[in-house]
Protein backbone atom coordinates (compact mmCIF):
# COMPACT_ATOMS: atom_id res chain seq x y z
CA UNK A 1 -91.53 -36.35 -7.17
CA UNK A 2 -92.97 -32.94 -5.91
CA UNK A 3 -94.37 -32.69 -2.75
CA UNK A 4 -97.64 -33.15 -3.15
CA UNK A 5 -99.42 -36.51 -2.54
CA UNK A 6 -102.81 -36.41 -3.54
CA UNK A 7 -105.90 -38.22 -1.15
CA UNK A 8 -108.65 -39.07 -3.40
CA UNK A 9 -111.98 -38.54 -1.82
CA UNK A 10 -112.41 -42.57 -2.93
CA UNK A 11 -112.36 -46.07 -1.38
CA UNK A 12 -109.43 -47.85 -0.96
CA UNK A 13 -109.07 -52.02 -1.37
CA UNK A 14 -106.45 -54.52 -0.05
CA UNK A 15 -105.88 -56.93 -2.65
CA UNK A 16 -106.94 -59.38 -1.25
CA UNK A 17 -111.47 -57.89 -0.88
CA UNK A 18 -111.04 -57.02 -4.01
CA UNK A 19 -110.49 -60.31 -5.22
CA UNK A 20 -112.62 -61.17 -2.94
CA UNK A 21 -115.06 -59.21 -4.31
CA UNK A 22 -114.58 -60.52 -7.82
CA UNK A 23 -115.59 -64.02 -6.85
CA UNK A 24 -119.27 -65.97 -5.87
CA UNK A 25 -117.67 -68.00 -2.95
CA UNK A 26 -115.28 -65.18 -1.23
CA UNK A 27 -111.31 -64.65 -1.85
CA UNK A 28 -109.43 -67.83 -0.72
CA UNK A 29 -105.81 -66.80 0.55
CA UNK A 30 -103.14 -65.27 -1.36
CA UNK A 31 -100.72 -68.09 -1.49
CA UNK A 32 -103.37 -71.04 -1.83
CA UNK A 33 -105.06 -69.60 -5.17
CA UNK A 34 -104.59 -71.17 -8.05
CA UNK A 35 -101.25 -70.74 -9.74
CA UNK A 36 -101.91 -71.79 -13.44
CA UNK A 37 -99.85 -73.88 -15.75
CA UNK A 38 -96.38 -75.42 -14.02
CA UNK A 39 -94.67 -73.40 -15.97
CA UNK A 40 -96.15 -70.08 -14.49
CA UNK A 41 -95.11 -71.10 -10.95
CA UNK A 42 -91.70 -72.23 -11.41
CA UNK A 43 -91.01 -68.29 -12.83
CA UNK A 44 -92.87 -67.27 -10.33
CA UNK A 45 -90.92 -69.50 -7.70
CA UNK A 46 -88.03 -68.23 -9.72
CA UNK A 47 -88.21 -65.22 -9.56
CA UNK A 48 -89.11 -64.86 -5.59
CA UNK A 49 -86.11 -66.88 -5.85
CA UNK A 50 -84.04 -64.81 -7.09
CA UNK A 51 -84.76 -61.47 -5.64
CA UNK A 52 -85.30 -62.34 -2.10
CA UNK A 53 -82.45 -64.10 -1.71
CA UNK A 54 -79.62 -63.26 -4.39
CA UNK A 55 -80.83 -59.19 -4.63
CA UNK A 56 -78.00 -57.27 -6.36
CA UNK A 57 -79.92 -53.82 -5.14
CA UNK A 58 -77.40 -52.89 -2.73
CA UNK A 59 -74.19 -53.21 -4.86
CA UNK A 60 -75.52 -51.70 -7.95
CA UNK A 61 -77.35 -48.73 -5.18
CA UNK A 62 -73.65 -48.48 -3.25
CA UNK A 63 -72.15 -47.68 -7.19
CA UNK A 64 -75.19 -45.00 -8.40
CA UNK A 65 -75.42 -43.46 -5.41
CA UNK A 66 -71.92 -43.79 -4.46
CA UNK A 67 -69.24 -43.16 -6.88
CA UNK A 68 -71.78 -41.15 -9.67
CA UNK A 69 -73.41 -39.15 -6.82
CA UNK A 70 -76.10 -36.93 -7.82
CA UNK A 71 -78.38 -35.90 -11.36
CA UNK A 72 -78.58 -32.87 -11.73
CA UNK A 73 -80.82 -33.00 -14.97
CA UNK A 74 -78.44 -31.88 -18.00
CA UNK A 75 -75.44 -32.09 -15.67
CA UNK A 76 -72.19 -34.07 -16.82
CA UNK A 77 -73.12 -36.99 -14.05
CA UNK A 78 -76.89 -37.14 -15.09
CA UNK A 79 -74.69 -38.23 -18.67
CA UNK A 80 -72.90 -40.21 -16.25
CA UNK A 81 -75.61 -42.02 -14.43
CA UNK A 82 -76.93 -43.00 -18.08
CA UNK A 83 -73.55 -44.28 -19.33
CA UNK A 84 -73.86 -46.95 -16.70
CA UNK A 85 -76.73 -47.70 -16.39
CA UNK A 86 -76.35 -48.94 -20.55
CA UNK A 87 -73.04 -50.56 -20.14
CA UNK A 88 -74.86 -52.61 -16.87
CA UNK A 89 -77.69 -53.72 -19.44
CA UNK A 90 -75.76 -54.52 -21.95
CA UNK A 91 -73.56 -56.78 -19.45
CA UNK A 92 -76.79 -59.36 -18.67
CA UNK A 93 -77.47 -59.31 -22.32
CA UNK A 94 -80.36 -56.59 -21.98
CA UNK A 95 -80.73 -54.58 -25.32
CA UNK A 96 -80.33 -50.23 -23.91
CA UNK A 97 -79.88 -46.84 -25.43
CA UNK A 98 -79.22 -43.53 -24.37
CA UNK A 99 -82.32 -41.75 -26.25
CA UNK A 100 -81.42 -37.84 -26.42
CA UNK A 101 -84.81 -35.99 -26.02
CA UNK A 102 -83.21 -32.25 -25.91
CA UNK A 103 -80.80 -29.77 -23.80
CA UNK A 104 -80.26 -28.20 -20.47
CA UNK A 105 -77.97 -26.18 -18.93
CA UNK A 106 -75.31 -28.01 -17.33
CA UNK A 107 -73.83 -27.08 -14.68
CA UNK A 108 -71.74 -28.87 -12.32
CA UNK A 109 -71.44 -28.12 -8.13
CA UNK A 110 -67.77 -26.94 -7.13
CA UNK A 111 -67.02 -26.19 -4.29
CA UNK A 112 -68.15 -23.78 -1.65
CA UNK A 113 -68.43 -22.40 2.02
CA UNK A 114 -69.97 -19.74 3.24
CA UNK A 115 -67.99 -18.16 7.07
CA UNK A 116 -69.28 -16.34 9.31
CA UNK A 117 -66.73 -13.95 10.24
CA UNK A 118 -67.99 -10.72 12.09
CA UNK A 119 -68.39 -10.27 15.45
CA UNK A 120 -66.82 -13.84 15.71
CA UNK A 121 -66.29 -16.61 13.56
CA UNK A 122 -68.30 -19.76 12.44
CA UNK A 123 -67.82 -21.45 9.53
CA UNK A 124 -71.87 -21.67 8.70
CA UNK A 125 -73.46 -24.65 6.96
CA UNK A 126 -74.07 -23.25 3.94
CA UNK A 127 -75.13 -24.92 0.27
CA UNK A 128 -74.71 -23.42 -3.08
CA UNK A 129 -77.99 -23.74 -4.73
CA UNK A 130 -78.10 -25.85 -8.05
CA UNK A 131 -77.50 -23.76 -11.67
CA UNK A 132 -75.97 -20.90 -9.07
CA UNK A 133 -73.24 -19.16 -10.81
CA UNK A 134 -70.61 -17.88 -8.58
CA UNK A 135 -68.36 -15.96 -6.64
CA UNK A 136 -64.76 -14.03 -7.85
CA UNK A 137 -62.08 -16.03 -7.15
CA UNK A 138 -60.92 -15.81 -3.23
CA UNK A 139 -64.64 -15.34 -2.31
CA UNK A 140 -66.58 -11.69 -1.60
CA UNK A 141 -67.09 -10.85 2.13
CA UNK A 142 -69.57 -8.25 3.13
CA UNK A 143 -72.08 -7.03 5.11
CA UNK A 144 -75.80 -8.72 6.09
CA UNK A 145 -78.90 -7.99 5.41
CA UNK A 146 -82.27 -9.23 5.95
CA UNK A 147 -85.74 -8.08 4.05
CA UNK A 148 -87.25 -5.15 5.50
CA UNK A 149 -89.82 -4.25 7.74
CA UNK A 150 -93.01 -2.96 7.01
CA UNK A 151 -92.90 -0.20 10.21
CA UNK A 152 -90.25 0.41 8.13
CA UNK A 153 -90.25 0.20 4.39
CA UNK A 154 -94.29 0.04 3.38
CA UNK A 155 -94.99 0.61 -0.75
CA UNK A 156 -92.92 -0.02 -3.60
CA UNK A 157 -90.69 3.02 -3.86
CA UNK A 158 -89.36 2.83 -0.16
CA UNK A 159 -88.30 -0.77 -0.94
CA UNK A 160 -86.79 1.07 -4.44
CA UNK A 161 -84.97 3.09 -1.92
CA UNK A 162 -83.77 0.55 0.10
CA UNK A 163 -82.39 -1.59 -2.95
CA UNK A 164 -80.17 0.83 -2.93
CA UNK A 165 -77.75 0.55 0.39
CA UNK A 166 -77.93 -3.26 -0.40
CA UNK A 167 -74.17 -2.96 -2.77
CA UNK A 168 -71.90 -5.10 -1.16
CA UNK A 169 -74.02 -6.26 0.95
CA UNK A 170 -75.60 -10.39 1.53
CA UNK A 171 -79.12 -10.09 1.94
CA UNK A 172 -81.97 -12.51 3.58
CA UNK A 173 -85.11 -13.67 1.55
CA UNK A 174 -86.29 -16.23 4.37
CA UNK A 175 -87.91 -15.82 7.01
CA UNK A 176 -86.14 -16.60 9.94
CA UNK A 177 -87.36 -19.09 12.52
CA UNK A 178 -87.79 -19.06 15.95
CA UNK A 179 -87.02 -22.68 16.93
CA UNK A 180 -85.09 -25.30 14.79
CA UNK A 181 -86.55 -27.95 16.98
CA UNK A 182 -89.31 -30.60 14.84
CA UNK A 183 -92.36 -29.93 16.34
CA UNK A 184 -92.80 -33.38 17.47
CA UNK A 185 -90.38 -33.01 20.21
CA UNK A 186 -91.74 -29.61 21.13
CA UNK A 187 -95.03 -31.95 21.72
CA UNK A 188 -93.55 -34.44 23.48
CA UNK A 189 -91.43 -32.60 25.92
CA UNK A 190 -92.91 -29.22 26.18
CA UNK A 191 -95.32 -28.21 27.97
CA UNK A 192 -98.77 -27.85 26.50
CA UNK A 193 -99.02 -23.92 27.03
CA UNK A 194 -95.23 -23.83 26.32
CA UNK A 195 -96.00 -25.19 23.00
CA UNK A 196 -99.07 -22.63 21.84
CA UNK A 197 -97.14 -19.82 22.12
CA UNK A 198 -94.37 -20.85 20.25
CA UNK A 199 -97.07 -21.86 17.24
CA UNK A 200 -98.67 -18.11 17.75
CA UNK A 201 -95.02 -16.64 17.87
CA UNK A 202 -94.33 -18.87 14.80
CA UNK A 203 -97.16 -17.13 13.32
CA UNK A 204 -97.25 -13.77 14.14
CA UNK A 205 -94.31 -14.14 12.51
CA UNK A 206 -94.68 -15.66 9.17
CA UNK A 207 -97.94 -13.34 9.53
CA UNK A 208 -95.29 -10.08 9.81
CA UNK A 209 -93.03 -11.69 7.26
CA UNK A 210 -95.52 -12.44 4.43
CA UNK A 211 -95.84 -8.31 4.80
CA UNK A 212 -92.04 -7.93 3.81
CA UNK A 213 -92.28 -10.11 1.09
CA UNK A 214 -95.42 -8.71 -1.29
CA UNK A 215 -93.77 -4.83 -0.11
CA UNK A 216 -90.97 -6.69 -1.88
CA UNK A 217 -92.92 -8.01 -4.88
CA UNK A 218 -94.85 -5.26 -5.73
CA UNK A 219 -91.76 -3.92 -6.17
CA UNK A 220 -91.40 -6.27 -9.83
CA UNK A 221 -88.96 -8.89 -11.25
CA UNK A 222 -86.84 -11.87 -10.49
CA UNK A 223 -86.28 -11.23 -7.13
CA UNK A 224 -82.09 -12.56 -7.81
CA UNK A 225 -82.34 -10.11 -10.97
CA UNK A 226 -83.17 -6.94 -8.89
CA UNK A 227 -81.12 -7.65 -6.28
CA UNK A 228 -78.14 -8.36 -8.58
CA UNK A 229 -79.03 -4.93 -9.64
CA UNK A 230 -78.42 -3.03 -6.46
CA UNK A 231 -75.21 -4.24 -6.65
CA UNK A 232 -75.87 -7.51 -3.84
CA UNK A 233 -72.74 -9.38 -2.81
CA UNK A 234 -75.60 -12.63 -3.29
CA UNK A 235 -78.84 -13.81 -1.45
CA UNK A 236 -78.77 -15.73 1.82
CA UNK A 237 -81.88 -18.06 1.75
CA UNK A 238 -83.71 -20.83 3.81
CA UNK A 239 -86.04 -23.81 3.10
CA UNK A 240 -86.37 -25.76 6.27
CA UNK A 241 -87.49 -29.19 6.08
CA UNK A 242 -88.51 -29.24 9.70
CA UNK A 243 -86.85 -32.14 10.77
CA UNK A 244 -83.68 -32.25 12.62
CA UNK A 245 -80.59 -30.59 10.74
CA UNK A 246 -82.46 -31.35 7.37
CA UNK A 247 -82.96 -28.41 4.50
CA UNK A 248 -85.38 -28.95 1.01
CA UNK A 249 -82.25 -27.51 -1.35
CA UNK A 250 -84.08 -27.17 -4.70
CA UNK A 251 -82.22 -24.29 -7.42
CA UNK A 252 -83.74 -23.35 -10.46
CA UNK A 253 -87.40 -23.49 -8.53
CA UNK A 254 -89.72 -20.46 -9.27
CA UNK A 255 -87.79 -16.92 -8.39
CA UNK A 256 -84.36 -18.67 -8.78
CA UNK A 257 -84.83 -20.38 -12.53
CA UNK A 258 -81.90 -18.19 -13.50
CA UNK A 259 -80.05 -17.09 -11.11
CA UNK A 260 -77.35 -14.16 -11.14
CA UNK A 261 -76.02 -13.79 -7.59
CA UNK A 262 -74.59 -16.55 -6.00
CA UNK A 263 -77.49 -18.52 -4.06
CA UNK A 264 -76.68 -20.16 -0.97
CA UNK A 265 -79.12 -22.18 1.78
CA UNK A 266 -78.41 -21.11 4.36
CA UNK A 267 -79.38 -24.46 7.25
CA UNK A 268 -82.39 -23.11 9.76
CA UNK A 269 -79.87 -23.05 12.69
CA UNK A 270 -77.41 -20.66 11.52
CA UNK A 271 -79.99 -18.85 8.79
CA UNK A 272 -81.45 -17.92 12.41
CA UNK A 273 -78.38 -16.78 14.02
CA UNK A 274 -77.67 -14.53 11.22
CA UNK A 275 -81.30 -13.17 12.30
CA UNK A 276 -81.21 -12.20 15.26
CA UNK A 277 -77.32 -10.83 15.06
CA UNK A 278 -79.42 -8.57 12.91
CA UNK A 279 -82.67 -8.00 14.93
CA UNK A 280 -79.73 -6.93 18.05
CA UNK A 281 -77.23 -4.92 16.12
CA UNK A 282 -74.50 -6.37 16.27
CA UNK A 283 -73.73 -6.54 12.26
CA UNK A 284 -72.94 -10.15 11.33
CA UNK A 285 -70.63 -10.27 8.03
CA UNK A 286 -69.69 -13.28 6.29
CA UNK A 287 -67.05 -14.53 3.67
CA UNK A 288 -68.25 -16.52 0.66
CA UNK A 289 -67.13 -18.70 -1.90
CA UNK A 290 -68.81 -21.17 -5.00
CA UNK A 291 -66.45 -22.07 -7.44
CA UNK A 292 -69.36 -24.09 -9.75
CA UNK A 293 -68.52 -25.39 -13.64
CA UNK A 294 -70.78 -23.62 -16.09
CA UNK A 295 -70.77 -24.68 -19.75
CA UNK A 296 -70.61 -22.22 -22.87
CA UNK A 297 -73.66 -23.71 -24.10
CA UNK A 298 -76.53 -26.25 -23.05
CA UNK A 299 -75.89 -30.25 -23.31
CA UNK A 300 -77.88 -33.05 -24.09
CA UNK A 301 -80.29 -35.20 -21.98
CA UNK A 302 -81.54 -38.77 -23.13
CA UNK A 303 -83.53 -41.20 -21.07
CA UNK A 304 -82.38 -44.78 -20.92
CA UNK A 305 -84.61 -47.43 -22.30
CA UNK A 306 -83.61 -50.82 -22.30
CA UNK A 307 -86.05 -53.35 -23.70
CA UNK A 308 -87.40 -57.61 -23.90
CA UNK A 309 -88.89 -57.98 -27.05
CA UNK A 310 -91.88 -59.96 -27.36
CA UNK A 311 -92.36 -63.13 -28.62
CA UNK A 312 -96.08 -63.12 -29.04
CA UNK A 313 -97.32 -59.91 -28.85
CA UNK A 314 -93.56 -57.81 -29.64
CA UNK A 315 -96.02 -54.44 -30.15
CA UNK A 316 -96.84 -54.39 -27.53
CA UNK A 317 -95.91 -53.32 -23.68
CA UNK A 318 -95.55 -53.63 -20.69
CA UNK A 319 -93.43 -50.37 -18.98
CA UNK A 320 -91.44 -50.02 -15.84
CA UNK A 321 -90.78 -46.59 -14.83
CA UNK A 322 -88.32 -44.72 -12.68
CA UNK A 323 -87.20 -40.98 -12.83
CA UNK A 324 -82.91 -41.30 -12.77
CA UNK A 325 -82.24 -37.64 -11.92
CA UNK A 326 -82.20 -35.78 -8.66
CA UNK A 327 -81.40 -32.83 -7.12
CA UNK A 328 -77.74 -32.89 -5.97
CA UNK A 329 -77.10 -31.91 -1.76
CA UNK A 330 -77.17 -35.19 -1.33
CA UNK A 331 -76.85 -37.60 -3.81
CA UNK A 332 -80.46 -38.43 -4.99
CA UNK A 333 -80.63 -41.29 -2.68
CA UNK A 334 -84.47 -42.46 -1.75
CA UNK A 335 -85.77 -39.44 -4.79
CA UNK A 336 -84.97 -41.04 -6.97
CA UNK A 337 -82.43 -43.72 -6.92
CA UNK A 338 -84.66 -46.29 -4.28
CA UNK A 339 -87.44 -46.15 -7.76
CA UNK A 340 -84.01 -46.68 -10.66
CA UNK A 341 -82.61 -49.20 -8.61
CA UNK A 342 -86.14 -51.09 -7.91
CA UNK A 343 -86.09 -51.26 -11.58
CA UNK A 344 -82.86 -52.06 -13.04
CA UNK A 345 -83.09 -55.14 -10.39
CA UNK A 346 -86.50 -55.70 -11.33
CA UNK A 347 -85.26 -56.06 -15.04
CA UNK A 348 -82.50 -57.90 -14.31
CA UNK A 349 -84.63 -60.71 -12.42
CA UNK A 350 -87.43 -60.70 -15.66
CA UNK A 351 -84.36 -61.08 -17.66
CA UNK A 352 -83.51 -64.05 -15.92
CA UNK A 353 -86.37 -66.02 -15.48
CA UNK A 354 -88.22 -64.35 -17.75
CA UNK A 355 -86.19 -64.13 -20.60
CA UNK A 356 -88.55 -65.01 -24.11
CA UNK A 357 -91.93 -62.64 -22.21
CA UNK A 358 -95.40 -63.06 -24.69
CA UNK A 359 -95.44 -58.76 -24.60
CA UNK A 360 -92.06 -56.81 -25.68
CA UNK A 361 -90.57 -55.30 -21.78
CA UNK A 362 -89.31 -51.58 -21.89
CA UNK A 363 -88.09 -49.86 -19.12
CA UNK A 364 -87.88 -45.63 -18.79
CA UNK A 365 -85.46 -44.45 -16.79
CA UNK A 366 -86.12 -40.51 -17.09
CA UNK A 367 -84.13 -37.46 -16.69
CA UNK A 368 -85.52 -34.27 -15.96
CA UNK A 369 -88.67 -35.50 -13.65
CA UNK A 370 -87.69 -32.82 -11.17
CA UNK A 371 -87.96 -29.89 -14.13
CA UNK A 372 -91.67 -31.31 -14.46
CA UNK A 373 -90.88 -33.81 -15.83
CA UNK A 374 -89.53 -33.15 -19.20
CA UNK A 375 -87.96 -37.35 -20.18
CA UNK A 376 -91.07 -38.44 -19.94
CA UNK A 377 -92.81 -36.25 -21.38
CA UNK A 378 -91.14 -36.49 -24.71
CA UNK A 379 -90.81 -39.98 -24.70
CA UNK A 380 -94.34 -40.10 -24.36
CA UNK A 381 -94.80 -37.87 -27.43
CA UNK A 382 -92.25 -38.98 -29.41
CA UNK A 383 -93.31 -42.49 -29.25
CA UNK A 384 -96.91 -42.47 -29.79
CA UNK A 385 -97.01 -45.89 -31.08
CA UNK A 386 -96.22 -47.60 -26.94
CA UNK A 387 -98.18 -45.35 -25.60
CA UNK A 388 -101.03 -46.89 -27.67
CA UNK A 389 -100.65 -50.20 -27.45
CA UNK A 390 -99.62 -49.64 -22.83
CA UNK A 391 -100.21 -52.81 -21.82
CA UNK A 392 -99.95 -51.32 -18.38
CA UNK A 393 -96.76 -49.71 -16.94
CA UNK A 394 -95.47 -49.11 -13.46
CA UNK A 395 -93.98 -46.60 -11.73
CA UNK A 396 -91.59 -46.15 -8.70
CA UNK A 397 -90.56 -42.57 -7.22
CA UNK A 398 -90.79 -41.85 -2.95
CA UNK A 399 -88.31 -43.58 -1.28
CA UNK A 400 -87.07 -46.73 0.91
CA UNK A 401 -90.51 -47.82 1.63
CA UNK A 402 -91.97 -51.45 1.01
CA UNK A 403 -95.10 -50.57 -1.70
CA UNK A 404 -98.09 -50.60 -0.46
CA UNK A 405 -100.68 -48.97 -1.65
CA UNK A 406 -101.77 -48.84 -6.32
CA UNK A 407 -102.84 -45.13 -7.26
CA UNK A 408 -104.90 -46.60 -10.58
CA UNK A 409 -106.78 -43.30 -11.53
CA UNK A 410 -109.47 -44.44 -12.58
CA UNK A 411 -108.66 -47.35 -14.91
CA UNK A 412 -111.67 -49.43 -13.52
CA UNK A 413 -110.16 -52.90 -15.56
CA UNK A 414 -107.68 -51.64 -13.50
CA UNK A 415 -107.84 -52.89 -9.70
CA UNK A 416 -109.14 -56.43 -10.99
CA UNK A 417 -106.27 -56.82 -12.77
CA UNK A 418 -104.17 -55.91 -10.02
CA UNK A 419 -105.76 -58.35 -7.53
CA UNK A 420 -106.20 -61.35 -9.83
CA UNK A 421 -102.11 -60.66 -11.07
CA UNK A 422 -101.23 -60.17 -6.51
CA UNK A 423 -103.30 -63.52 -6.13
CA UNK A 424 -100.76 -65.48 -8.28
CA UNK A 425 -97.76 -64.42 -6.30
CA UNK A 426 -96.48 -65.63 -2.55
CA UNK A 427 -98.41 -64.15 0.05
CA UNK A 428 -94.96 -61.95 2.12
CA UNK A 429 -95.08 -59.57 -1.04
CA UNK A 430 -98.89 -58.68 -1.67
CA UNK A 431 -99.35 -57.83 2.51
CA UNK A 432 -100.02 -54.16 2.97
CA UNK A 433 -101.08 -53.28 -0.03
CA UNK A 434 -104.10 -51.26 -0.61
CA UNK A 435 -105.46 -50.80 -4.19
CA UNK A 436 -107.68 -47.90 -5.39
CA UNK A 437 -110.65 -48.11 -5.69
CA UNK A 438 -112.23 -46.97 -8.18
CA UNK A 439 -109.65 -44.63 -8.09
CA UNK A 440 -109.37 -41.04 -9.69
CA UNK A 441 -107.48 -39.31 -12.76
CA UNK A 442 -105.15 -37.36 -11.23
CA UNK A 443 -102.13 -35.30 -11.16
CA UNK A 444 -99.20 -37.12 -9.37
CA UNK A 445 -96.30 -34.92 -9.92
CA UNK A 446 -94.38 -38.42 -11.10
CA UNK A 447 -93.49 -39.32 -14.45
CA UNK A 448 -96.85 -41.44 -14.37
CA UNK A 449 -98.46 -38.90 -15.83
CA UNK A 450 -96.59 -38.27 -18.53
CA UNK A 451 -98.92 -41.45 -19.84
CA UNK A 452 -101.87 -41.06 -17.38
CA UNK A 453 -102.85 -37.98 -18.79
CA UNK A 454 -103.15 -39.42 -23.03
CA UNK A 455 -105.35 -42.34 -21.21
CA UNK A 456 -102.72 -44.89 -21.28
CA UNK A 457 -102.70 -47.55 -18.44
CA UNK A 458 -99.97 -46.24 -15.90
CA UNK A 459 -99.82 -46.55 -12.16
CA UNK A 460 -97.92 -45.05 -8.93
CA UNK A 461 -96.28 -47.97 -6.90
CA UNK A 462 -96.37 -45.70 -4.09
CA UNK A 463 -93.85 -46.52 -1.60
CA UNK A 464 -94.66 -46.46 2.67
CA UNK A 465 -93.38 -42.69 4.05
CA UNK A 466 -90.58 -43.66 6.41
CA UNK A 467 -89.24 -40.09 6.91
CA UNK A 468 -90.10 -39.58 3.57
CA UNK A 469 -91.26 -35.63 3.59
CA UNK A 470 -88.75 -34.83 6.44
CA UNK A 471 -86.31 -35.96 6.16
CA UNK A 472 -84.94 -37.25 2.55
CA UNK A 473 -88.03 -35.75 -0.43
CA UNK A 474 -85.45 -33.05 -2.21
CA UNK A 475 -82.86 -32.95 0.66
CA UNK A 476 -78.96 -32.48 2.10
CA UNK A 477 -79.66 -35.97 3.81
CA UNK A 478 -80.55 -37.95 0.94
CA UNK A 479 -78.27 -40.37 1.00
CA UNK A 480 -77.06 -44.24 0.42
CA UNK A 481 -77.40 -44.51 4.11
CA UNK A 482 -80.74 -43.59 4.54
CA UNK A 483 -82.39 -46.98 2.32
CA UNK A 484 -83.19 -49.93 3.51
CA UNK A 485 -82.55 -52.52 1.34
CA UNK A 486 -85.01 -55.65 2.55
CA UNK A 487 -87.49 -52.92 1.14
CA UNK A 488 -86.29 -52.06 -2.83
CA UNK A 489 -85.60 -55.99 -2.54
CA UNK A 490 -89.09 -56.80 -1.77
CA UNK A 491 -90.52 -53.89 -3.80
CA UNK A 492 -87.60 -55.05 -7.43
CA UNK A 493 -89.31 -58.08 -6.36
CA UNK A 494 -92.86 -57.24 -6.45
CA UNK A 495 -92.11 -55.04 -9.91
CA UNK A 496 -90.23 -58.41 -11.61
CA UNK A 497 -93.97 -60.46 -11.30
CA UNK A 498 -96.39 -57.75 -12.30
CA UNK A 499 -94.37 -57.35 -15.20
CA UNK A 500 -94.66 -61.34 -15.75
CA UNK A 501 -98.14 -61.13 -15.08
CA UNK A 502 -99.30 -58.36 -16.90
CA UNK A 503 -96.88 -59.63 -19.75
CA UNK A 504 -98.93 -63.43 -19.23
CA UNK A 505 -103.11 -61.74 -18.92
CA UNK A 506 -104.36 -63.04 -21.70
CA UNK A 507 -106.38 -59.80 -21.45
CA UNK A 508 -105.86 -56.49 -22.95
CA UNK A 509 -106.55 -54.06 -20.01
CA UNK A 510 -109.16 -51.48 -21.22
CA UNK A 511 -108.58 -47.52 -21.54
CA UNK A 512 -112.26 -47.07 -20.01
CA UNK A 513 -111.48 -44.99 -17.04
CA UNK A 514 -114.94 -44.11 -13.94
CA UNK A 515 -117.14 -40.91 -14.92
CA UNK A 516 -115.43 -38.48 -13.59
CA UNK A 517 -116.63 -37.93 -9.69
CA UNK A 518 -118.01 -34.09 -9.27
CA UNK A 519 -115.86 -31.67 -6.75
CA UNK A 520 -118.04 -30.69 -4.15
CA UNK A 521 -117.07 -27.12 -4.09
CA UNK A 522 -118.11 -25.99 -7.46
CA UNK A 523 -120.56 -28.79 -7.85
CA UNK A 524 -118.45 -29.71 -11.62
CA UNK A 525 -116.70 -32.78 -12.80
CA UNK A 526 -113.16 -33.04 -11.59
CA UNK A 527 -111.28 -32.18 -14.60
CA UNK A 528 -108.51 -34.77 -15.36
CA UNK A 529 -105.19 -33.54 -15.64
CA UNK A 530 -103.93 -32.09 -18.72
CA UNK A 531 -100.07 -33.07 -20.18
CA UNK A 532 -97.84 -31.03 -19.49
CA UNK A 533 -96.34 -29.08 -21.31
CA UNK A 534 -93.28 -30.01 -23.56
CA UNK A 535 -90.51 -28.54 -22.33
CA UNK A 536 -87.20 -29.79 -24.83
CA UNK A 537 -84.08 -27.14 -23.10
CA UNK A 538 -83.69 -24.74 -20.89
CA UNK A 539 -83.84 -21.70 -23.09
CA UNK A 540 -87.73 -22.97 -23.44
CA UNK A 541 -89.05 -23.46 -19.87
């Protein structure tokens, strides 16, 4: 999932408040709303009882995150996760299959290590970036250099001359941090004058670094390409997540899309150490080894699709949605192992308590979300009949927190439908959930986009933060131990009940959306995002 979280300039209301707006007499408490027929009450209770008291989320997650591990798109682990899902669904009596939508670069992480060997010995905390090439057997040793300051190299020609000195060396290409202590810690412990001085020095360093980058960029071409062409041994970078000991490690993005020399993310602390040694003329030297496995050709990539056929409206669809792929420096636990397990467990609850739904129930476990929702975009393209007859899709993709917001994307029927569905659920599942009203068509940077861009009623179920952005989103710390299974089992139970209510609802959700509001800056209506370009292979990116 993308770092961006949309902040729509629209009002929000809780399900209870919205329900009050619908009724002339006001809304009763959620747990006192008439449940409808006894069968519906019994199904709600059975889903709730199984989901909250006999959840399998923790044991399922342990297999996915610990045993299979991270699931980089195109990797053997990604395919192993596809196969495990099919086996799991099949054991539950739920038909499932892996549906190929294209091919992708097949890369597997191997052993890697970076050691400082001068002026002293130290094992550096460093991680090879995804899709990076390796080193020769036994590794390579070389001095460390950094992009030169503008006072030394002032234009493209001077930079080209500097490049000739990078041969046989490791090149640092990220701004060194003056402190790796999070701002929250500075604010808690330091005097205000110290905080101000730290921020001023940091801002000044960032401005100076931007000058270096602009001069390097004026040389043209891919960063890794011109460093490689200069005969450099590798690239050292840092993408600090601004939390204690945490880096965002995302290969294959931007300038790293076609790396030609080994690239290592070095922790904030160790990267800063190298920069200080350089700044003081103490000549840091490192030895690096990296042994990834890159298949000679692209390998198949799949979405895993599970299905329970509808009994009354088999050609209408309710979908669960979550991406299966992940970055691979951690184990892809909260992005998006938790969403995967939530959808998997919800489908188990539906099969157990509601085996003959009125509408067909589908779950899509997508790959390639981190590369631009390529799996879900392919599915929506390949299955127009499902998109055209979608009653509702529920997507979950941002961490272990309890679901606290429903993004309705401007679909006019959606707030009322969610309030109606939630009014029939136990109150402890719906307490504190906010429903977007009236919502706005926007890009969520998740798999719901592949459907909302086609005006299909898909909804993003946003989770409470739980330090997601700083500590687990795309980081080396996104591991099983960061999961709160009380929240995951609640989310899975809520999603199973949403599936049940959407399937049973006699009303089809309309595709009518709000008239786009005016952008305060441009004075023009805010345009809905267009669908992503279809990408079915690494080479077609």
